[in-house]
């Protein structure tokens, strides 16, 4: 089964939280952990990785925490996934042209390639600004639905 690791899932949720904050706001790890229901120690480790890879900036001290280093409108879901998982390949035959000796004769190769291209298109076209906006809209609909009940 093709599946994201828990670390990648938590990284995405943490970045999504930061994307919903005002530009430049520094958020405490505890705040992010609670809001996204992620174990604090695990999230701290993930954010160390994201800091080293340039996605977030770490601030030390009593006013410390984390903030995005880039505009969420320019940060794609593909970048976040690949930061945690490495390059995405639906099958080994897609690692690079010529990797699979059956590439030229295998009809399944073309299907894997088409699926891979669609996946990359969706992940590249999905920004954290768009995800943050979608999250706000879903939260508002859920509140409205509860209020109507």
C-alpha atoms as a PDB file:
ATOM      1  CA  UNK A   1       0.000   0.000   0.000  1.00  0.00           C
ATOM      2  CA  UNK A   2       1.255   3.474  -0.890  1.00  0.00           C
ATOM      3  CA  UNK A   3       1.059   5.492   2.293  1.00  0.00           C
ATOM      4  CA  UNK A   4       2.638   8.585   3.823  1.00  0.00           C
ATOM      5  CA  UNK A   5       4.633   8.052   6.976  1.00  0.00           C
ATOM      6  CA  UNK A   6       3.244   9.392  10.228  1.00  0.00           C
ATOM      7  CA  UNK A   7       6.138  11.878  10.266  1.00  0.00           C
ATOM      8  CA  UNK A   8       5.107  13.263   6.877  1.00  0.00           C
ATOM      9  CA  UNK A   9       1.478  13.473   7.980  1.00  0.00           C
ATOM     10  CA  UNK A  10       2.448  15.361  11.144  1.00  0.00           C
ATOM     11  CA  UNK A  11       4.803  17.653   9.213  1.00  0.00           C
ATOM     12  CA  UNK A  12       1.976  18.561   6.845  1.00  0.00           C
ATOM     13  CA  UNK A  13      -0.407  19.229   9.731  1.00  0.00           C
ATOM     14  CA  UNK A  14       2.197  21.362  11.508  1.00  0.00           C
ATOM     15  CA  UNK A  15       2.939  23.383   8.372  1.00  0.00           C
ATOM     16  CA  UNK A  16      -0.789  23.777   7.791  1.00  0.00           C
ATOM     17  CA  UNK A  17      -1.219  25.212  11.276  1.00  0.00           C
ATOM     18  CA  UNK A  18       1.576  27.725  10.710  1.00  0.00           C
ATOM     19  CA  UNK A  19       0.065  28.604   7.324  1.00  0.00           C
ATOM     20  CA  UNK A  20      -3.144  29.650   9.033  1.00  0.00           C
ATOM     21  CA  UNK A  21      -1.348  32.095  11.329  1.00  0.00           C
ATOM     22  CA  UNK A  22      -0.686  35.771  10.581  1.00  0.00           C
ATOM     23  CA  UNK A  23       2.517  36.374   8.602  1.00  0.00           C
ATOM     24  CA  UNK A  24       5.569  36.275  10.845  1.00  0.00           C
ATOM     25  CA  UNK A  25       3.714  34.984  13.920  1.00  0.00           C
ATOM     26  CA  UNK A  26       5.867  32.721  16.043  1.00  0.00           C
ATOM     27  CA  UNK A  27       3.905  29.751  17.395  1.00  0.00           C
ATOM     28  CA  UNK A  28       4.890  27.633  20.369  1.00  0.00           C
ATOM     29  CA  UNK A  29       5.405  23.917  19.772  1.00  0.00           C
ATOM     30  CA  UNK A  30       2.855  23.199  22.520  1.00  0.00           C
ATOM     31  CA  UNK A  31       0.278  25.377  20.755  1.00  0.00           C
ATOM     32  CA  UNK A  32       0.808  23.594  17.420  1.00  0.00           C
ATOM     33  CA  UNK A  33       0.861  20.184  19.081  1.00  0.00           C
ATOM     34  CA  UNK A  34      -2.436  20.783  20.872  1.00  0.00           C
ATOM     35  CA  UNK A  35      -4.176  22.319  17.867  1.00  0.00           C
ATOM     36  CA  UNK A  36      -3.133  19.526  15.526  1.00  0.00           C
ATOM     37  CA  UNK A  37      -3.303  16.650  18.047  1.00  0.00           C
ATOM     38  CA  UNK A  38       0.323  15.649  17.520  1.00  0.00           C
ATOM     39  CA  UNK A  39       2.578  14.373  20.328  1.00  0.00           C
ATOM     40  CA  UNK A  40       4.723  17.353  21.391  1.00  0.00           C
ATOM     41  CA  UNK A  41       8.085  15.556  21.420  1.00  0.00           C
ATOM     42  CA  UNK A  42       7.481  14.007  18.006  1.00  0.00           C
ATOM     43  CA  UNK A  43       6.417  17.352  16.535  1.00  0.00           C
ATOM     44  CA  UNK A  44       9.517  19.043  17.983  1.00  0.00           C
ATOM     45  CA  UNK A  45      11.709  16.458  16.247  1.00  0.00           C
ATOM     46  CA  UNK A  46       9.825  16.902  12.958  1.00  0.00           C
ATOM     47  CA  UNK A  47      10.141  20.686  13.172  1.00  0.00           C
ATOM     48  CA  UNK A  48      13.907  20.336  13.707  1.00  0.00           C
ATOM     49  CA  UNK A  49      14.015  18.501  10.370  1.00  0.00           C
ATOM     50  CA  UNK A  50      11.794  21.112   8.714  1.00  0.00           C
ATOM     51  CA  UNK A  51      14.024  23.850  10.133  1.00  0.00           C
ATOM     52  CA  UNK A  52      17.169  22.245   8.696  1.00  0.00           C
ATOM     53  CA  UNK A  53      15.424  21.963   5.325  1.00  0.00           C
ATOM     54  CA  UNK A  54      14.417  25.635   5.380  1.00  0.00           C
ATOM     55  CA  UNK A  55      10.651  25.327   5.807  1.00  0.00           C
ATOM     56  CA  UNK A  56      10.428  26.840   9.276  1.00  0.00           C
ATOM     57  CA  UNK A  57      12.572  29.094  11.412  1.00  0.00           C
ATOM     58  CA  UNK A  58      13.177  28.195  15.015  1.00  0.00           C
ATOM     59  CA  UNK A  59      13.225  30.932  17.671  1.00  0.00           C
ATOM     60  CA  UNK A  60      14.775  30.196  21.064  1.00  0.00           C
ATOM     61  CA  UNK A  61      13.998  31.603  24.479  1.00  0.00           C
ATOM     62  CA  UNK A  62      10.840  32.542  26.350  1.00  0.00           C
ATOM     63  CA  UNK A  63       9.298  34.004  23.199  1.00  0.00           C
ATOM     64  CA  UNK A  64      10.585  31.090  21.131  1.00  0.00           C
ATOM     65  CA  UNK A  65       8.735  28.834  18.778  1.00  0.00           C
ATOM     66  CA  UNK A  66       8.410  28.343  15.040  1.00  0.00           C
ATOM     67  CA  UNK A  67       7.321  30.363  12.030  1.00  0.00           C
ATOM     68  CA  UNK A  68       7.210  29.649   8.315  1.00  0.00           C
ATOM     69  CA  UNK A  69      10.172  30.888   6.295  1.00  0.00           C
ATOM     70  CA  UNK A  70       8.117  31.236   3.120  1.00  0.00           C
ATOM     71  CA  UNK A  71       4.775  32.537   2.013  1.00  0.00           C
ATOM     72  CA  UNK A  72       2.239  29.672   2.289  1.00  0.00           C
ATOM     73  CA  UNK A  73       1.008  30.598  -1.206  1.00  0.00           C
ATOM     74  CA  UNK A  74       4.414  29.515  -2.522  1.00  0.00           C
ATOM     75  CA  UNK A  75       4.803  26.357  -0.422  1.00  0.00           C
ATOM     76  CA  UNK A  76       3.368  23.267  -2.104  1.00  0.00           C
ATOM     77  CA  UNK A  77       2.186  20.015  -0.662  1.00  0.00           C
ATOM     78  CA  UNK A  78       4.682  18.196  -2.905  1.00  0.00           C
ATOM     79  CA  UNK A  79       7.585  20.085  -1.319  1.00  0.00           C
ATOM     80  CA  UNK A  80       6.429  19.151   2.177  1.00  0.00           C
ATOM     81  CA  UNK A  81       5.907  15.489   1.311  1.00  0.00           C
ATOM     82  CA  UNK A  82       9.288  15.206  -0.411  1.00  0.00           C
ATOM     83  CA  UNK A  83      11.018  16.974   2.497  1.00  0.00           C
ATOM     84  CA  UNK A  84       9.903  14.149   4.750  1.00  0.00           C
ATOM     85  CA  UNK A  85       9.700  11.180   2.369  1.00  0.00           C
ATOM     86  CA  UNK A  86      12.199  11.961  -0.373  1.00  0.00           C
ATOM     87  CA  UNK A  87      11.263  11.818  -4.049  1.00  0.00           C
ATOM     88  CA  UNK A  88       7.916  10.172  -4.784  1.00  0.00           C
ATOM     89  CA  UNK A  89       7.753   7.280  -7.234  1.00  0.00           C
ATOM     90  CA  UNK A  90       4.624   5.159  -7.581  1.00  0.00           C
ATOM     91  CA  UNK A  91       6.730   2.277  -8.858  1.00  0.00           C
ATOM     92  CA  UNK A  92      10.430   1.537  -9.216  1.00  0.00           C
ATOM     93  CA  UNK A  93      10.160   1.709 -12.996  1.00  0.00           C
ATOM     94  CA  UNK A  94       9.542   5.466 -12.683  1.00  0.00           C
ATOM     95  CA  UNK A  95      12.734   6.316 -10.799  1.00  0.00           C
ATOM     96  CA  UNK A  96      14.366   7.427 -14.044  1.00  0.00           C
ATOM     97  CA  UNK A  97      14.172   6.618 -17.746  1.00  0.00           C
ATOM     98  CA  UNK A  98      15.940   3.356 -18.450  1.00  0.00           C
ATOM     99  CA  UNK A  99      15.799   2.166 -14.833  1.00  0.00           C
ATOM    100  CA  UNK A 100      13.474  -0.683 -15.809  1.00  0.00           C
ATOM    101  CA  UNK A 101      14.540  -2.926 -18.677  1.00  0.00           C
ATOM    102  CA  UNK A 102      10.878  -3.595 -19.531  1.00  0.00           C
ATOM    103  CA  UNK A 103       9.976   0.098 -19.832  1.00  0.00           C
ATOM    104  CA  UNK A 104       9.641   0.085 -23.643  1.00  0.00           C
ATOM    105  CA  UNK A 105       7.461  -3.038 -23.834  1.00  0.00           C
ATOM    106  CA  UNK A 106       5.423  -2.908 -20.632  1.00  0.00           C
ATOM    107  CA  UNK A 107       1.917  -1.408 -20.936  1.00  0.00           C
ATOM    108  CA  UNK A 108       1.685  -1.035 -17.156  1.00  0.00           C
ATOM    109  CA  UNK A 109       4.642   1.360 -17.205  1.00  0.00           C
ATOM    110  CA  UNK A 110       2.527   3.865 -19.145  1.00  0.00           C
ATOM    111  CA  UNK A 111      -0.297   3.598 -16.595  1.00  0.00           C
ATOM    112  CA  UNK A 112       2.096   4.122 -13.681  1.00  0.00           C
ATOM    113  CA  UNK A 113       3.614   7.098 -15.468  1.00  0.00           C
ATOM    114  CA  UNK A 114       0.205   8.670 -16.135  1.00  0.00           C
ATOM    115  CA  UNK A 115      -0.884   8.162 -12.521  1.00  0.00           C
ATOM    116  CA  UNK A 116       2.426   9.596 -11.281  1.00  0.00           C
ATOM    117  CA  UNK A 117       2.036  12.685 -13.469  1.00  0.00           C
ATOM    118  CA  UNK A 118      -1.506  13.286 -12.157  1.00  0.00           C
ATOM    119  CA  UNK A 119      -0.370  12.881  -8.557  1.00  0.00           C
ATOM    120  CA  UNK A 120       2.517  15.316  -9.081  1.00  0.00           C
ATOM    121  CA  UNK A 121       0.126  17.784 -10.717  1.00  0.00           C
ATOM    122  CA  UNK A 122      -2.235  17.699  -7.742  1.00  0.00           C
ATOM    123  CA  UNK A 123       0.517  17.928  -5.117  1.00  0.00           C
ATOM    124  CA  UNK A 124       2.323  20.726  -6.968  1.00  0.00           C
ATOM    125  CA  UNK A 125      -0.917  22.637  -7.478  1.00  0.00           C
ATOM    126  CA  UNK A 126      -1.866  22.433  -3.810  1.00  0.00           C
ATOM    127  CA  UNK A 127      -0.412  25.250  -1.718  1.00  0.00           C
ATOM    128  CA  UNK A 128      -0.504  25.626   2.025  1.00  0.00           C
ATOM    129  CA  UNK A 129      -2.328  28.955   1.616  1.00  0.00           C
ATOM    130  CA  UNK A 130      -5.068  27.115  -0.277  1.00  0.00           C
ATOM    131  CA  UNK A 131      -5.178  24.376   2.339  1.00  0.00           C
ATOM    132  CA  UNK A 132      -5.409  26.930   5.165  1.00  0.00           C
ATOM    133  CA  UNK A 133      -8.308  28.666   3.402  1.00  0.00           C
ATOM    134  CA  UNK A 134     -10.073  25.340   2.796  1.00  0.00           C
ATOM    135  CA  UNK A 135      -9.598  24.515   6.482  1.00  0.00           C
ATOM    136  CA  UNK A 136     -11.200  27.784   7.560  1.00  0.00           C
ATOM    137  CA  UNK A 137     -14.138  27.131   5.225  1.00  0.00           C
ATOM    138  CA  UNK A 138     -14.631  23.590   6.505  1.00  0.00           C
ATOM    139  CA  UNK A 139     -14.475  24.770  10.123  1.00  0.00           C
ATOM    140  CA  UNK A 140     -17.102  27.451   9.412  1.00  0.00           C
ATOM    141  CA  UNK A 141     -19.422  24.903   7.753  1.00  0.00           C
ATOM    142  CA  UNK A 142     -19.006  22.539  10.693  1.00  0.00           C
ATOM    143  CA  UNK A 143     -19.851  25.359  13.148  1.00  0.00           C
ATOM    144  CA  UNK A 144     -22.901  26.304  11.093  1.00  0.00           C
ATOM    145  CA  UNK A 145     -24.061  22.696  10.984  1.00  0.00           C
ATOM    146  CA  UNK A 146     -23.688  22.320  14.772  1.00  0.00           C
ATOM    147  CA  UNK A 147     -25.526  25.609  15.357  1.00  0.00           C
ATOM    148  CA  UNK A 148     -28.394  24.476  13.131  1.00  0.00           C
ATOM    149  CA  UNK A 149     -28.788  21.206  15.052  1.00  0.00           C
END
